[in-house]
């Protein structure tokens, strides 16, 4: 009986560690997304254009360069 309790306790501890790691990873992902958003906003402010327009302009330039 004691062994069953120990196994349950070990499983619960492992589950808690997994949940803690999942939470920490979620926080890291959130920070990365915010950093990306901040970078996009910064690029848009510096260029005076929205990011989609910048990407379209760059792709057009690349396509024109390939044609030459």
N, C-alpha and C. Protein backbone atom coordinates (compact mmCIF):
# COMPACT_ATOMS: atom_id res chain seq x y z
N UNK A 1 0.82 -1.20 0.00
CA UNK A 1 0.00 0.00 0.00
C UNK A 1 0.86 1.26 0.00
N UNK A 2 1.93 1.23 0.78
CA UNK A 2 2.81 2.38 0.85
C UNK A 2 3.44 2.67 -0.51
N UNK A 3 3.75 1.63 -1.25
CA UNK A 3 4.35 1.78 -2.57
C UNK A 3 3.39 2.48 -3.53
N UNK A 4 2.10 2.14 -3.44
CA UNK A 4 1.10 2.79 -4.29
C UNK A 4 1.03 4.29 -4.01
N UNK A 5 1.06 4.63 -2.73
CA UNK A 5 1.04 6.05 -2.36
C UNK A 5 2.28 6.77 -2.87
N UNK A 6 3.41 6.11 -2.78
CA UNK A 6 4.66 6.70 -3.26
C UNK A 6 4.59 6.93 -4.77
N UNK A 7 4.07 5.96 -5.50
CA UNK A 7 3.94 6.09 -6.95
C UNK A 7 2.99 7.23 -7.32
N UNK A 8 1.89 7.33 -6.59
CA UNK A 8 0.94 8.42 -6.84
C UNK A 8 1.59 9.77 -6.57
N UNK A 9 2.31 9.83 -5.47
CA UNK A 9 2.99 11.06 -5.11
C UNK A 9 4.03 11.45 -6.16
N UNK A 10 4.80 10.47 -6.63
CA UNK A 10 5.80 10.72 -7.67
C UNK A 10 5.15 11.20 -8.97
N UNK A 11 4.03 10.60 -9.33
CA UNK A 11 3.32 11.02 -10.54
C UNK A 11 2.80 12.44 -10.40
N UNK A 12 2.27 12.75 -9.23
CA UNK A 12 1.78 14.11 -8.98
C UNK A 12 2.91 15.14 -9.02
N UNK A 13 4.05 14.76 -8.45
CA UNK A 13 5.20 15.66 -8.49
C UNK A 13 5.65 15.89 -9.94
N UNK A 14 5.70 14.82 -10.71
CA UNK A 14 6.11 14.95 -12.11
C UNK A 14 5.11 15.79 -12.89
N UNK A 15 3.84 15.57 -12.63
CA UNK A 15 2.82 16.36 -13.30
C UNK A 15 2.96 17.83 -12.94
N UNK A 16 3.25 18.13 -11.69
CA UNK A 16 3.44 19.52 -11.27
C UNK A 16 4.66 20.13 -11.95
N UNK A 17 5.75 19.36 -12.04
CA UNK A 17 6.95 19.86 -12.74
C UNK A 17 6.64 20.13 -14.21
N UNK A 18 5.89 19.23 -14.83
CA UNK A 18 5.50 19.41 -16.25
C UNK A 18 4.64 20.65 -16.42
N UNK A 19 3.70 20.85 -15.51
CA UNK A 19 2.84 22.04 -15.57
C UNK A 19 3.65 23.32 -15.37
N UNK A 20 4.58 23.27 -14.44
CA UNK A 20 5.43 24.43 -14.19
C UNK A 20 6.26 24.77 -15.43
N UNK A 21 6.83 23.76 -16.05
CA UNK A 21 7.63 23.99 -17.26
C UNK A 21 6.77 24.51 -18.40
N UNK A 22 5.58 23.97 -18.53
CA UNK A 22 4.66 24.43 -19.56
C UNK A 22 4.30 25.90 -19.34
N UNK A 23 4.07 26.27 -18.11
CA UNK A 23 3.75 27.66 -17.77
C UNK A 23 4.93 28.57 -18.10
N UNK A 24 6.14 28.14 -17.72
CA UNK A 24 7.33 28.95 -18.01
C UNK A 24 7.52 29.10 -19.53
N UNK A 25 7.29 28.03 -20.29
CA UNK A 25 7.41 28.10 -21.74
C UNK A 25 6.36 29.05 -22.32
N UNK A 26 5.17 29.00 -21.77
CA UNK A 26 4.11 29.91 -22.21
C UNK A 26 4.52 31.36 -21.98
N UNK A 27 5.11 31.65 -20.85
CA UNK A 27 5.58 33.00 -20.56
C UNK A 27 6.69 33.43 -21.52
N UNK A 28 7.63 32.50 -21.81
CA UNK A 28 8.69 32.82 -22.77
C UNK A 28 8.11 33.12 -24.14
N UNK A 29 7.12 32.33 -24.56
CA UNK A 29 6.48 32.56 -25.86
C UNK A 29 5.78 33.92 -25.90
N UNK A 30 5.13 34.26 -24.81
CA UNK A 30 4.44 35.55 -24.74
C UNK A 30 5.44 36.70 -24.88
N UNK A 31 6.56 36.59 -24.21
CA UNK A 31 7.60 37.62 -24.28
C UNK A 31 8.14 37.72 -25.71
N UNK A 32 8.38 36.58 -26.35
CA UNK A 32 8.88 36.58 -27.72
C UNK A 32 7.87 37.24 -28.66
N UNK A 33 6.59 36.94 -28.50
CA UNK A 33 5.56 37.56 -29.35
C UNK A 33 5.54 39.06 -29.14
N UNK A 34 5.64 39.49 -27.89
CA UNK A 34 5.63 40.93 -27.61
C UNK A 34 6.85 41.59 -28.20
N UNK A 35 8.01 40.94 -28.10
CA UNK A 35 9.23 41.48 -28.71
C UNK A 35 9.06 41.62 -30.22
N UNK A 36 8.43 40.63 -30.84
CA UNK A 36 8.19 40.68 -32.28
C UNK A 36 7.25 41.83 -32.63
N UNK A 37 6.20 41.98 -31.86
CA UNK A 37 5.24 43.07 -32.09
C UNK A 37 5.95 44.41 -31.93
N UNK A 38 6.76 44.55 -30.89
CA UNK A 38 7.51 45.80 -30.67
C UNK A 38 8.45 46.08 -31.84
N UNK A 39 9.10 45.04 -32.36
CA UNK A 39 10.01 45.21 -33.50
C UNK A 39 9.25 45.67 -34.74
N UNK A 40 8.09 45.09 -34.97
CA UNK A 40 7.28 45.47 -36.13
C UNK A 40 6.84 46.92 -36.01
N UNK A 41 6.39 47.30 -34.84
CA UNK A 41 5.96 48.68 -34.62
C UNK A 41 7.13 49.63 -34.84
N UNK A 42 8.32 49.26 -34.36
CA UNK A 42 9.50 50.09 -34.52
C UNK A 42 9.84 50.27 -36.01
N UNK A 43 9.81 49.19 -36.78
CA UNK A 43 10.09 49.25 -38.22
C UNK A 43 9.07 50.15 -38.91
N UNK A 44 7.82 49.98 -38.55
CA UNK A 44 6.77 50.79 -39.17
C UNK A 44 6.96 52.28 -38.86
N UNK A 45 7.32 52.58 -37.63
CA UNK A 45 7.52 53.99 -37.25
C UNK A 45 8.69 54.60 -38.01
N UNK A 46 9.79 53.84 -38.13
CA UNK A 46 10.98 54.35 -38.80
C UNK A 46 10.74 54.55 -40.30
N UNK A 47 9.99 53.66 -40.90
CA UNK A 47 9.82 53.71 -42.36
C UNK A 47 8.63 54.56 -42.78
N UNK A 48 7.69 54.74 -41.89
CA UNK A 48 6.47 55.46 -42.25
C UNK A 48 5.49 54.61 -43.02
N UNK A 49 5.79 53.33 -43.16
CA UNK A 49 4.90 52.39 -43.86
C UNK A 49 4.55 51.24 -42.92
N UNK A 50 3.43 50.59 -43.25
CA UNK A 50 3.11 49.41 -42.46
C UNK A 50 3.95 48.23 -42.96
N UNK A 51 4.10 47.24 -42.14
CA UNK A 51 4.98 46.11 -42.43
C UNK A 51 4.57 45.38 -43.71
N UNK A 52 3.28 45.22 -43.93
CA UNK A 52 2.82 44.50 -45.12
C UNK A 52 3.28 45.23 -46.37
N UNK A 53 3.18 46.55 -46.39
CA UNK A 53 3.64 47.33 -47.54
C UNK A 53 5.14 47.18 -47.74
N UNK A 54 5.89 47.17 -46.66
CA UNK A 54 7.33 46.99 -46.76
C UNK A 54 7.68 45.63 -47.36
N UNK A 55 6.98 44.59 -46.93
CA UNK A 55 7.23 43.25 -47.45
C UNK A 55 6.88 43.18 -48.93
N UNK A 56 5.75 43.75 -49.31
CA UNK A 56 5.34 43.75 -50.72
C UNK A 56 6.36 44.50 -51.56
N UNK A 57 6.81 45.66 -51.10
CA UNK A 57 7.83 46.42 -51.83
C UNK A 57 9.11 45.60 -52.00
N UNK A 58 9.54 44.94 -50.95
CA UNK A 58 10.76 44.14 -51.01
C UNK A 58 10.60 42.99 -51.99
N UNK A 59 9.45 42.32 -51.97
CA UNK A 59 9.22 41.21 -52.90
C UNK A 59 9.19 41.69 -54.35
N UNK A 60 8.58 42.83 -54.58
CA UNK A 60 8.57 43.40 -55.93
C UNK A 60 9.98 43.70 -56.40
N UNK A 61 10.78 44.26 -55.53
CA UNK A 61 12.17 44.57 -55.88
C UNK A 61 12.93 43.28 -56.19
N UNK A 62 12.75 42.24 -55.38
CA UNK A 62 13.41 40.97 -55.62
C UNK A 62 13.00 40.39 -56.96
N UNK A 63 11.70 40.45 -57.27
CA UNK A 63 11.23 39.92 -58.55
C UNK A 63 11.80 40.71 -59.72
N UNK A 64 11.88 42.02 -59.59
CA UNK A 64 12.46 42.85 -60.64
C UNK A 64 13.94 42.55 -60.82
N UNK A 65 14.65 42.32 -59.72
CA UNK A 65 16.07 41.99 -59.79
C UNK A 65 16.28 40.65 -60.49
N UNK A 66 15.39 39.70 -60.29
CA UNK A 66 15.51 38.38 -60.92
C UNK A 66 15.28 38.48 -62.42
N UNK A 67 14.42 39.39 -62.85
CA UNK A 67 14.11 39.53 -64.27
C UNK A 67 15.29 40.12 -65.04
N UNK A 68 16.13 40.88 -64.34
CA UNK A 68 17.25 41.54 -65.02
C UNK A 68 18.39 40.63 -65.29
